[in-house]
Amino acid sequence: MNNTKSEAIIKYLLGTSVFFIPFFPFITPFLWVLLLINFLYTRQFSKSNFKFNPILIVFVLFYFLHILGMLWTTDWHEGIKNLRVQLPLLFFPVLFSFYQPDKKTYLFIQKSLIAGCLIAIVICLVLAAKRYMGDHDISDFFYTRYSVLIAPGYFSFCLNIAVLFVMNDFFREKSDKQFKNANVTVLLIILFMINIIILSSKMSIIAAIISLPFFAFCESIKQNIFSKVFKWFLAFTVIFVIIFYGYIKTYNRFDQTVKALKEIDNSTHTMSEDYYNSSTIRLAEWNYGWEIFKQNFMLGVGTGDIKTATMAKYIEHDFRYGIHHFETTASQYLHEAIILGIIGLIGLVIIYFYPLVISIKDKNYLYASFLIILILYSATGGVFSATSVLIYGLFNSLMLVAPDK
């Protein structure tokens, strides 16, 4: 197989795999298997193709830390399952150590995610409108009733990254053409932001409010065009405030967080079933997870024993929702602290903040903004599970080696 054909196959496999993540993420791993087969067949994993990158090595070592955690785990079945789900954390740092995509491939992958998010939005809107015509319930357009393809938090996570790519495409065009097409860019950003808001993932909204202005400001200063983009930034801010105000008036999920913080019983952390909502559940999960961490401070409970340890704690506190609906902890930081102790928590901080410092130093503000979203999202959600690990695993390594800084 000639090099040009192999490059095209890699490009379209990566792009297609990203395209499906926002609505049919179960397809993505199969495409990555084909990608691996192509790499093996074309002997891409050769010594001559290897390019040393210390940050990619750090990512690989972090995954091996989870393998090491199997030594003191008792539930090997669950441990193997967790390692399998988290394989993108290993696969892509290794892959991009032997393969550095060209600029066209990198941009194609970005646009594939944007296109996938647009398809997912259309599907969700059509299904929500169909339900609304039957029940006339406005909540059909919010949160879990709107996001029927993947969990709202995962969908809004994808949209946050897609908005960054839309903005990056705008700033990438270093000519007057970018301002002629600015209307399309702004409309696309507004569409994505509306969906982030109605998906009602609180941390995703906060992440967007912080990361997007950061990227726009830093990139405009870097390109010395701040005065030209300021009016667009101001218009977007006004529109966002109006949309967010409408959301608060129609379907406000932030007030339940405030109420939960005021009323949760900090002495027993026990709640009656009629008090359950996403905020009270998350606060309870944090409290119980913190107890487990303090009891297993140095090494944690092991890669496979988080479910066992957490369920035991839930039973101890009679946390019935957690007993019947346990999936994962409500924070990636807490998850790593529970399974690998303080070592795992430090490891997570390193793989987030080490590349963040380097990216800001190198003025790679797209990657820095991506990491800011991850850092914030990890406070209240799991990044290394389900759909989000597909996004993180690929783009975290891709942006590091990308030619378009």
Protein backbone atom coordinates (compact mmCIF):
# COMPACT_ATOMS: atom_id res chain seq x y z
CA MET A 1 0.00 0.00 0.00
CA ASN A 2 1.49 3.36 -1.03
CA ASN A 3 1.98 6.12 1.50
CA THR A 4 -0.65 8.45 -0.02
CA LYS A 5 -3.37 5.80 0.15
CA SER A 6 -2.42 4.89 3.72
CA GLU A 7 -2.56 8.56 4.77
CA ALA A 8 -6.03 8.89 3.22
CA ILE A 9 -7.28 5.80 5.07
CA ILE A 10 -5.95 7.13 8.39
CA LYS A 11 -7.53 10.53 7.72
CA TYR A 12 -10.99 9.16 6.96
CA LEU A 13 -10.96 6.56 9.73
CA LEU A 14 -10.07 9.21 12.33
CA GLY A 15 -12.56 11.71 10.91
CA THR A 16 -15.40 9.19 10.66
CA SER A 17 -14.76 7.87 14.16
CA VAL A 18 -15.02 11.40 15.57
CA PHE A 19 -18.13 12.15 13.50
CA PHE A 20 -20.11 9.36 15.19
CA ILE A 21 -19.18 10.22 18.81
CA PRO A 22 -22.01 12.75 19.47
CA PHE A 23 -24.81 10.41 18.38
CA PHE A 24 -23.61 6.81 17.79
CA PRO A 25 -20.44 6.53 19.93
CA PHE A 26 -20.57 2.72 19.95
CA ILE A 27 -19.37 2.77 16.31
CA THR A 28 -16.19 4.69 17.11
CA PRO A 29 -14.17 1.87 18.79
CA PHE A 30 -14.76 -0.42 15.79
CA LEU A 31 -13.31 2.22 13.48
CA TRP A 32 -10.30 2.54 15.76
CA VAL A 33 -9.75 -1.22 15.50
CA LEU A 34 -9.61 -0.77 11.71
CA LEU A 35 -7.18 2.10 12.26
CA LEU A 36 -4.93 -0.16 14.33
CA ILE A 37 -5.08 -2.88 11.67
CA ASN A 38 -4.05 -0.32 9.05
CA PHE A 39 -1.13 0.82 11.19
CA LEU A 40 0.06 -2.75 11.68
CA TYR A 41 -0.38 -3.63 8.00
CA THR A 42 1.55 -0.57 6.79
CA ARG A 43 4.22 -1.02 9.48
CA GLN A 44 3.59 2.46 10.81
CA PHE A 45 4.85 1.39 14.24
CA SER A 46 8.47 1.37 13.14
CA LYS A 47 11.49 2.85 14.87
CA SER A 48 12.05 5.29 12.01
CA ASN A 49 8.56 6.80 12.51
CA PHE A 50 8.89 7.23 16.27
CA LYS A 51 9.06 10.80 17.52
CA PHE A 52 9.79 11.29 21.19
CA ASN A 53 7.42 13.59 23.05
CA PRO A 54 7.80 13.71 26.84
CA ILE A 55 4.17 14.70 27.43
CA LEU A 56 2.88 11.73 25.43
CA ILE A 57 5.14 9.51 27.54
CA VAL A 58 3.54 10.99 30.67
CA PHE A 59 0.09 10.07 29.30
CA VAL A 60 1.25 6.48 28.70
CA LEU A 61 2.71 6.25 32.21
CA PHE A 62 -0.59 7.44 33.67
CA TYR A 63 -2.39 4.54 32.01
CA PHE A 64 0.23 2.10 33.30
CA LEU A 65 -0.42 3.47 36.78
CA HIS A 66 -3.93 2.02 36.42
CA ILE A 67 -2.44 -1.30 35.36
CA LEU A 68 -0.24 -1.19 38.46
CA GLY A 69 -3.39 -0.64 40.52
CA MET A 70 -4.49 -4.15 39.53
CA LEU A 71 -1.88 -5.52 41.94
CA TRP A 72 -3.95 -4.61 45.01
CA THR A 73 -7.42 -4.91 43.53
CA THR A 74 -9.67 -7.87 44.36
CA ASP A 75 -12.27 -7.51 41.60
CA TRP A 76 -10.19 -8.34 38.54
CA HIS A 77 -13.24 -8.54 36.29
CA GLU A 78 -14.19 -4.92 37.04
CA GLY A 79 -10.55 -3.85 36.83
CA ILE A 80 -10.11 -5.34 33.35
CA LYS A 81 -13.37 -3.70 32.30
CA ASN A 82 -12.13 -0.29 33.47
CA LEU A 83 -8.80 -0.73 31.70
CA ARG A 84 -10.61 -1.67 28.49
CA VAL A 85 -12.84 1.40 28.64
CA GLN A 86 -9.81 3.60 29.24
CA LEU A 87 -7.72 2.13 26.38
CA PRO A 88 -7.89 5.42 24.41
CA LEU A 89 -5.68 6.89 27.15
CA LEU A 90 -2.95 4.49 25.99
CA PHE A 91 -3.78 3.98 22.33
CA PHE A 92 -3.57 7.56 21.09
CA PRO A 93 -0.41 8.68 22.90
CA VAL A 94 1.29 5.62 21.36
CA LEU A 95 -0.30 6.16 17.94
CA PHE A 96 0.66 9.83 17.72
CA SER A 97 4.19 9.01 18.80
CA PHE A 98 4.54 7.18 15.45
CA TYR A 99 2.21 9.28 13.33
CA GLN A 100 2.01 13.05 13.09
CA PRO A 101 -0.99 14.20 11.00
CA ASP A 102 -0.64 16.94 8.45
CA LYS A 103 -2.63 20.15 8.68
CA LYS A 104 -5.41 18.99 6.34
CA THR A 105 -5.98 15.82 8.34
CA TYR A 106 -6.05 17.74 11.61
CA LEU A 107 -8.64 20.22 10.31
CA PHE A 108 -10.68 17.41 8.75
CA ILE A 109 -10.94 15.70 12.14
CA GLN A 110 -12.02 18.96 13.77
CA LYS A 111 -14.72 19.54 11.16
CA SER A 112 -15.89 15.93 11.53
CA LEU A 113 -16.75 16.59 15.18
CA ILE A 114 -18.55 19.82 14.22
CA ALA A 115 -20.57 17.92 11.60
CA GLY A 116 -21.35 15.12 14.04
CA CYS A 117 -22.63 17.61 16.61
CA LEU A 118 -24.85 19.25 13.98
CA ILE A 119 -26.37 15.87 13.05
CA ALA A 120 -26.95 15.08 16.73
CA ILE A 121 -28.65 18.46 17.27
CA VAL A 122 -30.97 17.90 14.32
CA ILE A 123 -31.94 14.43 15.58
CA CYS A 124 -32.58 15.68 19.13
CA LEU A 125 -34.60 18.66 17.90
CA VAL A 126 -36.78 16.55 15.61
CA LEU A 127 -37.49 13.97 18.31
CA ALA A 128 -38.16 16.66 20.93
CA ALA A 129 -40.53 18.50 18.58
CA LYS A 130 -42.36 15.26 17.83
CA ARG A 131 -42.87 14.57 21.54
CA TYR A 132 -43.89 18.17 22.21
CA MET A 133 -46.61 17.96 19.56
CA GLY A 134 -48.09 15.12 21.59
CA ASP A 135 -47.71 16.25 25.22
CA HIS A 136 -47.09 20.04 24.89
CA ASP A 137 -44.47 19.82 27.63
CA ILE A 138 -41.66 22.37 27.22
CA SER A 139 -39.30 20.12 29.21
CA ASP A 140 -39.09 17.95 26.07
CA PHE A 141 -36.49 20.48 24.92
CA PHE A 142 -34.32 20.28 28.04
CA TYR A 143 -31.84 17.98 29.77
CA THR A 144 -32.38 14.19 29.55
CA ARG A 145 -35.65 14.46 27.65
CA TYR A 146 -33.86 16.40 24.93
CA SER A 147 -30.57 14.49 24.84
CA VAL A 148 -31.90 11.05 23.90
CA LEU A 149 -28.78 9.82 22.06
CA ILE A 150 -26.13 10.16 24.77
CA ALA A 151 -26.11 11.57 28.31
CA PRO A 152 -26.56 15.38 28.46
CA GLY A 153 -23.19 15.87 30.13
CA TYR A 154 -21.37 13.93 27.40
CA PHE A 155 -23.25 15.70 24.60
CA SER A 156 -22.52 19.14 26.03
CA PHE A 157 -18.88 18.08 26.47
CA CYS A 158 -18.73 17.30 22.73
CA LEU A 159 -20.41 20.63 21.94
CA ASN A 160 -17.94 22.56 24.08
CA ILE A 161 -15.04 21.10 22.09
CA ALA A 162 -16.88 21.65 18.79
CA VAL A 163 -17.40 25.35 19.59
CA LEU A 164 -13.65 25.68 20.14
CA PHE A 165 -13.05 24.15 16.72
CA VAL A 166 -15.52 26.54 15.08
CA MET A 167 -13.72 29.48 16.67
CA ASN A 168 -10.34 28.03 15.72
CA ASP A 169 -11.44 27.78 12.09
CA PHE A 170 -12.34 31.47 12.22
CA PHE A 171 -9.01 32.56 13.68
CA ARG A 172 -7.04 30.23 11.42
CA GLU A 173 -8.00 32.24 8.32
CA LYS A 174 -5.49 35.10 8.54
CA SER A 175 -7.15 37.39 6.00
CA ASP A 176 -10.19 39.61 5.55
CA LYS A 177 -12.08 36.50 4.42
CA GLN A 178 -12.52 35.47 8.05
CA PHE A 179 -14.55 38.61 8.79
CA LYS A 180 -16.72 38.15 5.69
CA ASN A 181 -17.67 34.69 6.96
CA ALA A 182 -17.99 35.81 10.57
CA ASN A 183 -21.80 35.79 10.45
CA VAL A 184 -21.84 32.06 9.70
CA THR A 185 -19.32 31.43 12.48
CA VAL A 186 -21.34 33.40 15.03
CA LEU A 187 -24.59 31.64 14.05
CA LEU A 188 -22.92 28.26 14.43
CA ILE A 189 -21.48 29.21 17.82
CA ILE A 190 -24.89 30.47 18.98
CA LEU A 191 -26.56 27.24 17.85
CA PHE A 192 -24.06 25.15 19.78
CA MET A 193 -24.25 27.41 22.83
CA ILE A 194 -28.06 27.25 22.87
CA ASN A 195 -27.78 23.47 22.93
CA ILE A 196 -25.15 23.52 25.69
CA ILE A 197 -27.55 25.62 27.76
CA ILE A 198 -30.70 23.56 27.14
CA LEU A 199 -28.78 20.36 27.84
CA SER A 200 -28.58 21.85 31.35
CA SER A 201 -25.23 20.38 32.36
CA LYS A 202 -24.21 23.03 34.87
CA MET A 203 -20.46 22.47 34.72
CA SER A 204 -20.50 22.37 30.93
CA ILE A 205 -22.15 25.79 30.90
CA ILE A 206 -19.55 27.12 33.33
CA ALA A 207 -16.74 25.55 31.26
CA ALA A 208 -18.06 27.27 28.13
CA ILE A 209 -18.32 30.63 29.88
CA ILE A 210 -14.66 30.38 30.95
CA SER A 211 -12.92 28.56 28.07
CA LEU A 212 -14.46 30.28 25.05
CA PRO A 213 -13.71 33.91 26.07
CA PHE A 214 -10.23 32.75 27.12
CA PHE A 215 -9.56 31.29 23.67
CA ALA A 216 -11.07 34.24 21.80
CA PHE A 217 -9.14 36.81 23.83
CA CYS A 218 -5.76 35.01 23.75
CA GLU A 219 -5.95 34.10 20.06
CA SER A 220 -7.01 37.62 19.00
CA ILE A 221 -4.14 39.12 21.00
CA LYS A 222 -1.75 36.56 19.51
CA GLN A 223 -2.83 37.51 15.97
CA ASN A 224 -3.08 41.22 16.80
CA ILE A 225 -6.71 41.46 15.66
CA PHE A 226 -8.45 42.12 18.97
CA SER A 227 -9.92 45.44 17.81
CA LYS A 228 -11.44 43.71 14.75
CA VAL A 229 -13.09 40.86 16.66
CA PHE A 230 -14.19 42.88 19.68
CA LYS A 231 -17.57 43.79 18.16
CA TRP A 232 -18.27 40.11 17.43
CA PHE A 233 -17.23 39.17 20.94
CA LEU A 234 -19.51 41.86 22.41
CA ALA A 235 -22.47 40.81 20.24
CA PHE A 236 -22.00 37.18 21.15
CA THR A 237 -21.83 38.06 24.87
CA VAL A 238 -25.10 40.00 24.71
CA ILE A 239 -26.85 37.19 22.83
CA PHE A 240 -25.52 34.60 25.27
CA VAL A 241 -26.76 36.60 28.28
CA ILE A 242 -30.23 36.86 26.72
CA ILE A 243 -30.37 33.13 25.96
CA PHE A 244 -29.09 32.20 29.42
CA TYR A 245 -31.62 34.51 31.08
CA GLY A 246 -34.39 32.82 29.11
CA TYR A 247 -33.09 29.43 30.25
CA ILE A 248 -33.01 30.51 33.90
CA LYS A 249 -36.62 31.67 33.64
CA THR A 250 -37.79 28.52 31.85
CA TYR A 251 -35.77 25.57 33.18
CA ASN A 252 -33.33 26.56 35.92
CA ARG A 253 -31.23 23.70 37.31
CA PHE A 254 -28.78 25.95 39.15
CA ASP A 255 -31.25 26.70 41.94
CA GLN A 256 -31.32 23.04 42.97
CA THR A 257 -27.56 23.21 43.55
CA VAL A 258 -27.92 26.26 45.79
CA LYS A 259 -30.73 24.57 47.71
CA ALA A 260 -28.73 21.36 48.07
CA LEU A 261 -25.73 23.22 49.45
CA LYS A 262 -27.92 24.93 52.03
CA GLU A 263 -29.98 21.96 53.17
CA ILE A 264 -27.89 18.79 52.93
CA ASP A 265 -27.26 17.22 56.33
CA ASN A 266 -23.49 17.39 56.75
CA SER A 267 -23.52 15.22 59.87
CA THR A 268 -24.95 12.05 58.36
CA HIS A 269 -25.22 12.88 54.61
CA THR A 270 -28.37 10.76 54.60
CA MET A 271 -31.26 11.82 52.38
CA SER A 272 -34.82 10.66 51.96
CA GLU A 273 -35.72 9.43 48.49
CA ASP A 274 -38.03 12.36 47.78
CA TYR A 275 -35.02 14.70 48.18
CA TYR A 276 -33.01 13.17 45.32
CA ASN A 277 -31.96 15.36 42.39
CA SER A 278 -28.72 15.58 40.44
CA SER A 279 -27.20 18.10 42.87
CA THR A 280 -28.04 16.32 46.12
CA ILE A 281 -26.98 12.99 44.61
CA ARG A 282 -23.64 14.44 43.50
CA LEU A 283 -23.00 16.05 46.90
CA ALA A 284 -23.71 12.73 48.60
CA GLU A 285 -21.39 10.90 46.20
CA TRP A 286 -18.63 13.41 46.92
CA ASN A 287 -19.07 13.04 50.67
CA TYR A 288 -19.01 9.24 50.59
CA GLY A 289 -16.16 9.19 48.07
CA TRP A 290 -14.11 11.50 50.27
CA GLU A 291 -14.59 9.11 53.18
CA ILE A 292 -13.29 6.22 51.06
CA PHE A 293 -10.29 8.27 49.96
CA LYS A 294 -9.37 9.18 53.53
CA GLN A 295 -9.53 5.49 54.48
CA ASN A 296 -7.28 4.49 51.54
CA PHE A 297 -5.11 7.58 51.27
CA MET A 298 -1.82 6.24 49.91
CA LEU A 299 -2.68 3.57 47.31
CA GLY A 300 -6.46 3.66 47.00
CA VAL A 301 -8.71 0.61 46.75
CA GLY A 302 -7.29 -0.59 43.43
CA THR A 303 -8.31 -0.21 39.80
CA GLY A 304 -11.19 -2.70 40.02
CA ASP A 305 -12.59 -2.16 43.52
CA ILE A 306 -14.16 1.28 43.28
CA LYS A 307 -17.65 -0.16 42.82
CA THR A 308 -17.26 -2.55 45.76
CA ALA A 309 -15.90 0.14 48.08
CA THR A 310 -18.49 2.69 47.02
CA MET A 311 -21.43 0.32 47.34
CA ALA A 312 -20.30 -0.63 50.85
CA LYS A 313 -20.22 3.05 51.80
CA TYR A 314 -23.66 3.66 50.26
CA ILE A 315 -25.12 0.75 52.22
CA GLU A 316 -23.51 2.09 55.40
CA HIS A 317 -25.29 5.43 54.88
CA ASP A 318 -28.48 3.94 53.42
CA PHE A 319 -27.99 5.95 50.22
CA ARG A 320 -30.63 4.08 48.23
CA TYR A 321 -30.30 5.95 44.96
CA GLY A 322 -26.59 5.22 44.83
CA ILE A 323 -27.18 1.56 45.69
CA HIS A 324 -29.60 1.09 42.80
CA HIS A 325 -28.07 3.43 40.21
CA PHE A 326 -24.31 3.41 40.76
CA GLU A 327 -22.30 4.02 37.58
CA THR A 328 -19.24 6.03 38.56
CA THR A 329 -18.14 8.74 40.97
CA ALA A 330 -19.30 12.29 40.31
CA SER A 331 -15.77 13.60 39.85
CA GLN A 332 -12.74 12.36 37.90
CA TYR A 333 -10.45 13.76 40.60
CA LEU A 334 -12.29 11.79 43.26
CA HIS A 335 -12.37 8.69 41.06
CA GLU A 336 -8.58 8.65 40.71
CA ALA A 337 -8.14 9.40 44.42
CA ILE A 338 -10.35 6.45 45.36
CA ILE A 339 -8.78 3.83 43.07
CA LEU A 340 -5.12 4.94 43.28
CA GLY A 341 -4.95 7.14 46.36
CA ILE A 342 -2.95 10.34 46.52
CA ILE A 343 -0.62 8.96 43.83
CA GLY A 344 -3.48 8.68 41.35
CA LEU A 345 -4.76 12.16 42.21
CA ILE A 346 -1.30 13.67 41.70
CA GLY A 347 -0.99 11.76 38.42
CA LEU A 348 -4.27 13.23 37.16
CA VAL A 349 -3.22 16.75 38.14
CA ILE A 350 0.06 16.26 36.26
CA ILE A 351 -1.54 15.07 32.99
CA TYR A 352 -3.91 18.05 33.11
CA PHE A 353 -1.72 20.92 34.29
CA TYR A 354 1.69 19.96 32.85
CA PRO A 355 0.47 20.19 29.22
CA LEU A 356 -1.64 23.25 30.15
CA VAL A 357 1.46 25.15 31.26
CA ILE A 358 3.39 24.03 28.15
CA SER A 359 0.52 24.92 25.80
CA ILE A 360 0.17 28.44 27.23
CA LYS A 361 3.94 28.89 27.04
CA ASP A 362 3.88 27.79 23.37
CA LYS A 363 0.80 29.96 22.70
CA ASN A 364 -1.18 26.88 21.67
CA TYR A 365 -4.39 28.38 23.02
CA LEU A 366 -6.70 25.86 21.37
CA TYR A 367 -5.14 23.03 23.34
CA ALA A 368 -5.01 25.18 26.48
CA SER A 369 -8.75 25.92 26.17
CA PHE A 370 -9.46 22.22 25.63
CA LEU A 371 -7.58 21.42 28.84
CA ILE A 372 -9.45 24.13 30.75
CA ILE A 373 -12.73 22.46 29.75
CA LEU A 374 -11.38 19.10 30.95
CA ILE A 375 -10.12 20.49 34.24
CA LEU A 376 -13.50 22.05 35.00
CA TYR A 377 -15.60 19.17 33.68
CA SER A 378 -13.60 16.66 35.75
CA ALA A 379 -14.74 18.37 38.95
CA THR A 380 -18.31 17.13 38.52
CA GLY A 381 -18.07 14.39 35.90
CA GLY A 382 -16.09 11.39 34.75
CA VAL A 383 -13.83 12.11 31.78
CA PHE A 384 -12.31 8.62 31.55
CA SER A 385 -15.58 6.78 31.05
CA ALA A 386 -18.16 6.20 28.33
CA THR A 387 -18.33 8.83 25.58
CA SER A 388 -16.04 11.47 27.10
CA VAL A 389 -12.98 9.18 27.12
CA LEU A 390 -13.32 8.84 23.34
CA ILE A 391 -13.07 12.62 22.94
CA TYR A 392 -10.36 13.06 25.55
CA GLY A 393 -8.24 10.11 24.44
CA LEU A 394 -8.04 11.22 20.82
CA PHE A 395 -7.98 15.02 20.99
CA ASN A 396 -5.73 15.28 24.04
CA SER A 397 -2.90 13.64 22.10
CA LEU A 398 -3.85 14.99 18.67
CA MET A 399 -3.76 18.64 19.73
CA LEU A 400 -0.37 18.11 21.33
CA VAL A 401 1.27 16.93 18.09
CA ALA A 402 -0.92 18.92 15.66
CA PRO A 403 0.83 21.09 13.06
CA ASP A 404 -1.69 23.92 13.46
CA LYS A 405 -0.80 25.55 16.78
